[in-house]
C-alpha cells in the first residue's frame, strides 16, 4: 500500500468506527425510553416496504411514459424528452431510498441478533435458554429470507434504470421519427424487466409484512 493511500484508508476506518459508535449510542438512547432493537427493526422493515411500494409505483408510472413516447409526433419529442428525463430521475431517487432503507434494516438486525445471542447465554434455566435459542434461529431464518428478497428486488431496479437512462440519453440527441422507431424496438425488453421487478418487489413486501407480524407477536405488541 502506498503512503498516499494510507490517509484515505484511515479516514474510511474512522468513518466506519464513528458510524458504528453513533448507531450503538442511538440504540442505547432508545432503550432508555423503552424502544428496543426489535421495535426499531420492525419500524425499519416497515419503512423499507413502504419505500419499495413507492418505488414500484414510480417505475410503473415511468414505464407508461416511456411506452407512450412511441406514439408522440416528432414535433412533440422535445417535451417528451423532458418528461422522460424527470421520470428517470424520480425513479432513480426512489431506488436510492430503497437501498438506504434496506441498509438501515441490515444495520439494526445485526445488532439485534448479536444482542439476542449474548442474552441467551445469560439465561440459567436450560429449558428457557433452549426455547429462546430456538426462537432466535427461527426469527433469523425468516429474516435471512426477507433480506434476500429485499436485495433481489433491489438488484432488479438497476437494469431498468440503465434502460431508462439509455432511452433518455438517446432521445436527447435524436428528436426525430427515426428515434421513435429505435425506442419502440427496445420497449419489449424494458417491459419484461419492469414486470420482473414489480413481481420481486411485491414478494419482498409480502415477506416484510409477514416478518413484521411475527416480530410483533414475539414482542407482545399489535
Protein backbone atom coordinates (compact mmCIF):
# COMPACT_ATOMS: atom_id res chain seq x y z
CA UNK A 1 0.00 0.00 0.00
CA UNK A 2 1.39 3.42 -0.96
CA UNK A 3 1.90 6.12 1.64
CA UNK A 4 -0.62 8.38 -0.07
CA UNK A 5 -3.34 5.73 0.20
CA UNK A 6 -2.90 5.40 3.98
CA UNK A 7 -4.79 8.60 4.96
CA UNK A 8 -7.75 7.53 2.81
CA UNK A 9 -7.80 4.09 4.42
CA UNK A 10 -7.55 5.52 7.92
CA UNK A 11 -10.26 8.03 7.10
CA UNK A 12 -12.55 5.24 5.91
CA UNK A 13 -11.91 3.15 9.01
CA UNK A 14 -12.53 6.17 11.23
CA UNK A 15 -15.81 6.90 9.47
CA UNK A 16 -16.94 3.30 9.95
CA UNK A 17 -15.93 3.39 13.61
CA UNK A 18 -17.82 6.64 14.15
CA UNK A 19 -20.86 5.25 12.35
CA UNK A 20 -20.86 2.11 14.49
CA UNK A 21 -20.44 4.22 17.61
CA UNK A 22 -23.31 6.51 16.63
CA UNK A 23 -25.57 3.54 15.95
CA UNK A 24 -24.69 1.99 19.30
CA UNK A 25 -25.35 5.27 21.09
CA UNK A 26 -28.66 5.61 19.28
CA UNK A 27 -29.79 2.12 20.28
CA UNK A 28 -28.78 2.77 23.90
CA UNK A 29 -30.68 6.06 23.97
CA UNK A 30 -33.79 4.43 22.51
CA UNK A 31 -33.66 1.62 25.06
CA UNK A 32 -33.69 4.25 27.80
CA UNK A 33 -37.16 5.30 26.63
CA UNK A 34 -38.41 1.74 26.19
CA UNK A 35 -37.77 1.31 22.47
CA UNK A 36 -35.74 -1.84 21.87
CA UNK A 37 -33.80 -3.04 18.84
CA UNK A 38 -36.67 -5.37 17.94
CA UNK A 39 -39.00 -2.36 17.76
CA UNK A 40 -36.51 -0.42 15.64
CA UNK A 41 -36.11 -3.39 13.30
CA UNK A 42 -39.87 -3.67 12.84
CA UNK A 43 -40.12 0.05 12.08
CA UNK A 44 -37.25 -0.10 9.59
CA UNK A 45 -38.65 -3.14 7.80
CA UNK A 46 -41.96 -1.30 7.53
CA UNK A 47 -40.21 1.79 6.15
CA UNK A 48 -38.29 -0.34 3.65
CA UNK A 49 -41.53 -1.96 2.49
CA UNK A 50 -43.12 1.48 2.07
CA UNK A 51 -40.12 2.64 0.05
CA UNK A 52 -40.40 -0.43 -2.18
CA UNK A 53 -44.12 0.19 -2.68
CA UNK A 54 -43.45 3.80 -3.68
CA UNK A 55 -40.62 2.73 -5.99
CA UNK A 56 -42.83 0.10 -7.59
CA UNK A 57 -45.47 2.71 -8.41
CA UNK A 58 -42.80 5.13 -9.68
CA UNK A 59 -41.33 2.51 -12.02
CA UNK A 60 -44.80 1.57 -13.29
CA UNK A 61 -45.57 5.23 -13.99
CA UNK A 62 -42.24 5.75 -15.72
CA UNK A 63 -42.81 2.68 -17.90
CA UNK A 64 -46.16 4.07 -19.01
CA UNK A 65 -44.45 7.31 -20.04
CA UNK A 66 -41.68 5.50 -21.90
CA UNK A 67 -44.25 3.32 -23.64
CA UNK A 68 -46.35 6.32 -24.66
CA UNK A 69 -43.44 8.15 -26.27
CA UNK A 70 -43.56 5.91 -29.34
CA UNK A 71 -46.98 7.43 -30.13
CA UNK A 72 -45.74 11.02 -29.86
CA UNK A 73 -45.39 13.09 -33.05
CA UNK A 74 -41.75 14.09 -33.76
CA UNK A 75 -42.69 17.73 -33.18
CA UNK A 76 -43.51 16.92 -29.53
CA UNK A 77 -40.44 14.83 -28.78
CA UNK A 78 -38.60 17.64 -27.01
CA UNK A 79 -41.36 17.90 -24.41
CA UNK A 80 -41.45 14.12 -24.15
CA UNK A 81 -37.71 14.02 -23.56
CA UNK A 82 -38.04 16.42 -20.64
CA UNK A 83 -40.90 14.40 -19.17
CA UNK A 84 -38.97 11.14 -19.50
CA UNK A 85 -35.84 12.71 -18.03
CA UNK A 86 -37.84 13.76 -14.97
CA UNK A 87 -39.39 10.27 -14.73
CA UNK A 88 -35.94 8.67 -14.84
CA UNK A 89 -34.61 10.97 -12.13
CA UNK A 90 -37.63 10.28 -9.92
CA UNK A 91 -37.20 6.52 -10.41
CA UNK A 92 -33.51 6.77 -9.58
CA UNK A 93 -34.27 8.74 -6.41
CA UNK A 94 -36.83 6.14 -5.32
CA UNK A 95 -34.31 3.37 -5.97
CA UNK A 96 -31.69 5.15 -3.86
CA UNK A 97 -34.16 5.48 -1.00
CA UNK A 98 -34.98 1.77 -1.17
CA UNK A 99 -31.27 0.94 -0.88
CA UNK A 100 -30.87 3.29 2.08
CA UNK A 101 -33.82 1.73 3.87
CA UNK A 102 -32.54 -1.81 3.29
CA UNK A 103 -29.10 -0.80 4.60
CA UNK A 104 -30.80 0.56 7.74
CA UNK A 105 -32.63 -2.75 8.21
CA UNK A 106 -29.39 -4.71 7.95
CA UNK A 107 -27.66 -2.39 10.41
CA UNK A 108 -30.13 -2.89 13.25
CA UNK A 109 -30.74 -6.57 12.53
CA UNK A 110 -27.07 -7.37 13.07
CA UNK A 111 -27.12 -5.57 16.42
CA UNK A 112 -30.38 -7.25 17.45
CA UNK A 113 -29.35 -10.83 16.70
CA UNK A 114 -25.93 -10.33 18.30
CA UNK A 115 -27.52 -8.95 21.46
CA UNK A 116 -30.07 -11.76 21.49
CA UNK A 117 -27.33 -14.40 21.31
CA UNK A 118 -25.43 -12.77 24.17
CA UNK A 119 -28.51 -12.57 26.37
CA UNK A 120 -29.44 -16.21 25.70
CA UNK A 121 -26.14 -17.21 27.33
CA UNK A 122 -27.19 -15.32 30.46
CA UNK A 123 -30.34 -17.45 30.93
CA UNK A 124 -29.57 -20.05 33.60
CA UNK A 125 -32.74 -22.13 33.12
CA UNK A 126 -31.91 -24.76 30.48
CA UNK A 127 -35.43 -25.05 29.08
CA UNK A 128 -35.87 -21.29 28.78
CA UNK A 129 -32.42 -20.89 27.23
CA UNK A 130 -33.21 -23.60 24.69
CA UNK A 131 -36.61 -22.10 23.86
CA UNK A 132 -35.10 -18.65 23.35
CA UNK A 133 -32.34 -20.08 21.16
CA UNK A 134 -34.93 -21.90 19.04
CA UNK A 135 -36.94 -18.70 18.62
CA UNK A 136 -33.82 -16.78 17.66
CA UNK A 137 -32.93 -19.32 14.99
CA UNK A 138 -36.47 -19.20 13.61
CA UNK A 139 -36.51 -15.40 13.52
CA UNK A 140 -33.06 -15.25 11.95
CA UNK A 141 -34.06 -17.73 9.23
CA UNK A 142 -37.14 -15.66 8.45
CA UNK A 143 -35.07 -12.50 8.46
CA UNK A 144 -32.50 -14.06 6.12
CA UNK A 145 -35.25 -14.90 3.62
CA UNK A 146 -36.61 -11.38 3.94
CA UNK A 147 -33.31 -9.60 3.35
CA UNK A 148 -32.57 -11.84 0.36
CA UNK A 149 -35.94 -10.90 -1.12
CA UNK A 150 -35.27 -7.22 -0.47
CA UNK A 151 -31.83 -7.36 -2.06
CA UNK A 152 -33.15 -9.40 -5.00
CA UNK A 153 -35.77 -6.76 -5.75
CA UNK A 154 -33.21 -4.01 -5.23
CA UNK A 155 -30.92 -5.63 -7.78
CA UNK A 156 -33.70 -5.78 -10.36
CA UNK A 157 -34.05 -1.98 -10.25
CA UNK A 158 -30.64 -1.35 -11.74
CA UNK A 159 -31.19 -2.95 -15.20
CA UNK A 160 -34.42 -0.97 -15.51
CA UNK A 161 -32.70 2.26 -14.51
CA UNK A 162 -29.95 1.59 -17.04
CA UNK A 163 -32.56 1.04 -19.76
CA UNK A 164 -34.43 4.20 -18.77
CA UNK A 165 -31.18 6.19 -18.80
CA UNK A 166 -30.27 4.83 -22.23
CA UNK A 167 -33.64 5.87 -23.60
CA UNK A 168 -33.37 9.37 -22.15
CA UNK A 169 -29.83 9.95 -23.39
CA UNK A 170 -30.63 8.57 -26.84
CA UNK A 171 -33.72 10.72 -27.15
CA UNK A 172 -31.83 13.81 -26.01
CA UNK A 173 -29.76 13.74 -29.19
CA UNK A 174 -32.25 12.15 -31.57
CA UNK A 175 -35.50 14.10 -31.57
CA UNK A 176 -36.87 12.67 -34.81
CA UNK A 177 -39.04 9.92 -36.29
CA UNK A 178 -36.11 7.50 -36.53
CA UNK A 179 -35.64 7.86 -32.78
CA UNK A 180 -39.21 6.73 -32.14
CA UNK A 181 -38.63 3.63 -34.23
CA UNK A 182 -35.42 2.82 -32.35
CA UNK A 183 -37.06 3.30 -28.97
CA UNK A 184 -40.00 1.12 -29.91
CA UNK A 185 -37.65 -1.77 -30.59
CA UNK A 186 -36.37 -1.65 -27.00
CA UNK A 187 -39.72 -1.46 -25.26
CA UNK A 188 -40.35 -5.20 -25.07
CA UNK A 189 -37.20 -5.81 -23.07
CA UNK A 190 -37.92 -2.91 -20.70
CA UNK A 191 -41.50 -4.05 -20.13
CA UNK A 192 -40.26 -7.54 -19.29
CA UNK A 193 -37.67 -6.19 -16.84
CA UNK A 194 -40.23 -3.97 -15.12
CA UNK A 195 -42.66 -6.88 -14.82
CA UNK A 196 -39.98 -8.99 -13.09
CA UNK A 197 -39.05 -6.05 -10.87
CA UNK A 198 -42.65 -5.49 -9.78
CA UNK A 199 -43.13 -9.20 -9.08
CA UNK A 200 -39.99 -9.32 -6.92
CA UNK A 201 -40.95 -6.14 -5.09
CA UNK A 202 -44.40 -7.48 -4.30
CA UNK A 203 -42.86 -10.71 -2.99
CA UNK A 204 -40.45 -8.71 -0.82
CA UNK A 205 -43.25 -6.51 0.53
CA UNK A 206 -45.30 -9.60 1.40
CA UNK A 207 -42.35 -11.12 3.27
CA UNK A 208 -41.88 -7.81 5.08
CA UNK A 209 -45.45 -7.84 6.33
CA UNK A 210 -45.19 -11.46 7.48
CA UNK A 211 -41.93 -10.72 9.30
CA UNK A 212 -43.44 -7.66 10.99
CA UNK A 213 -46.45 -9.66 12.17
CA UNK A 214 -44.28 -12.39 13.62
CA UNK A 215 -41.95 -9.95 15.37
CA UNK A 216 -44.89 -8.06 16.84
CA UNK A 217 -46.33 -11.31 18.20
CA UNK A 218 -42.93 -12.15 19.64
CA UNK A 219 -42.78 -8.74 21.28
CA UNK A 220 -46.32 -8.88 22.57
CA UNK A 221 -47.42 -5.85 20.53
CA UNK A 222 -50.08 -5.31 17.95
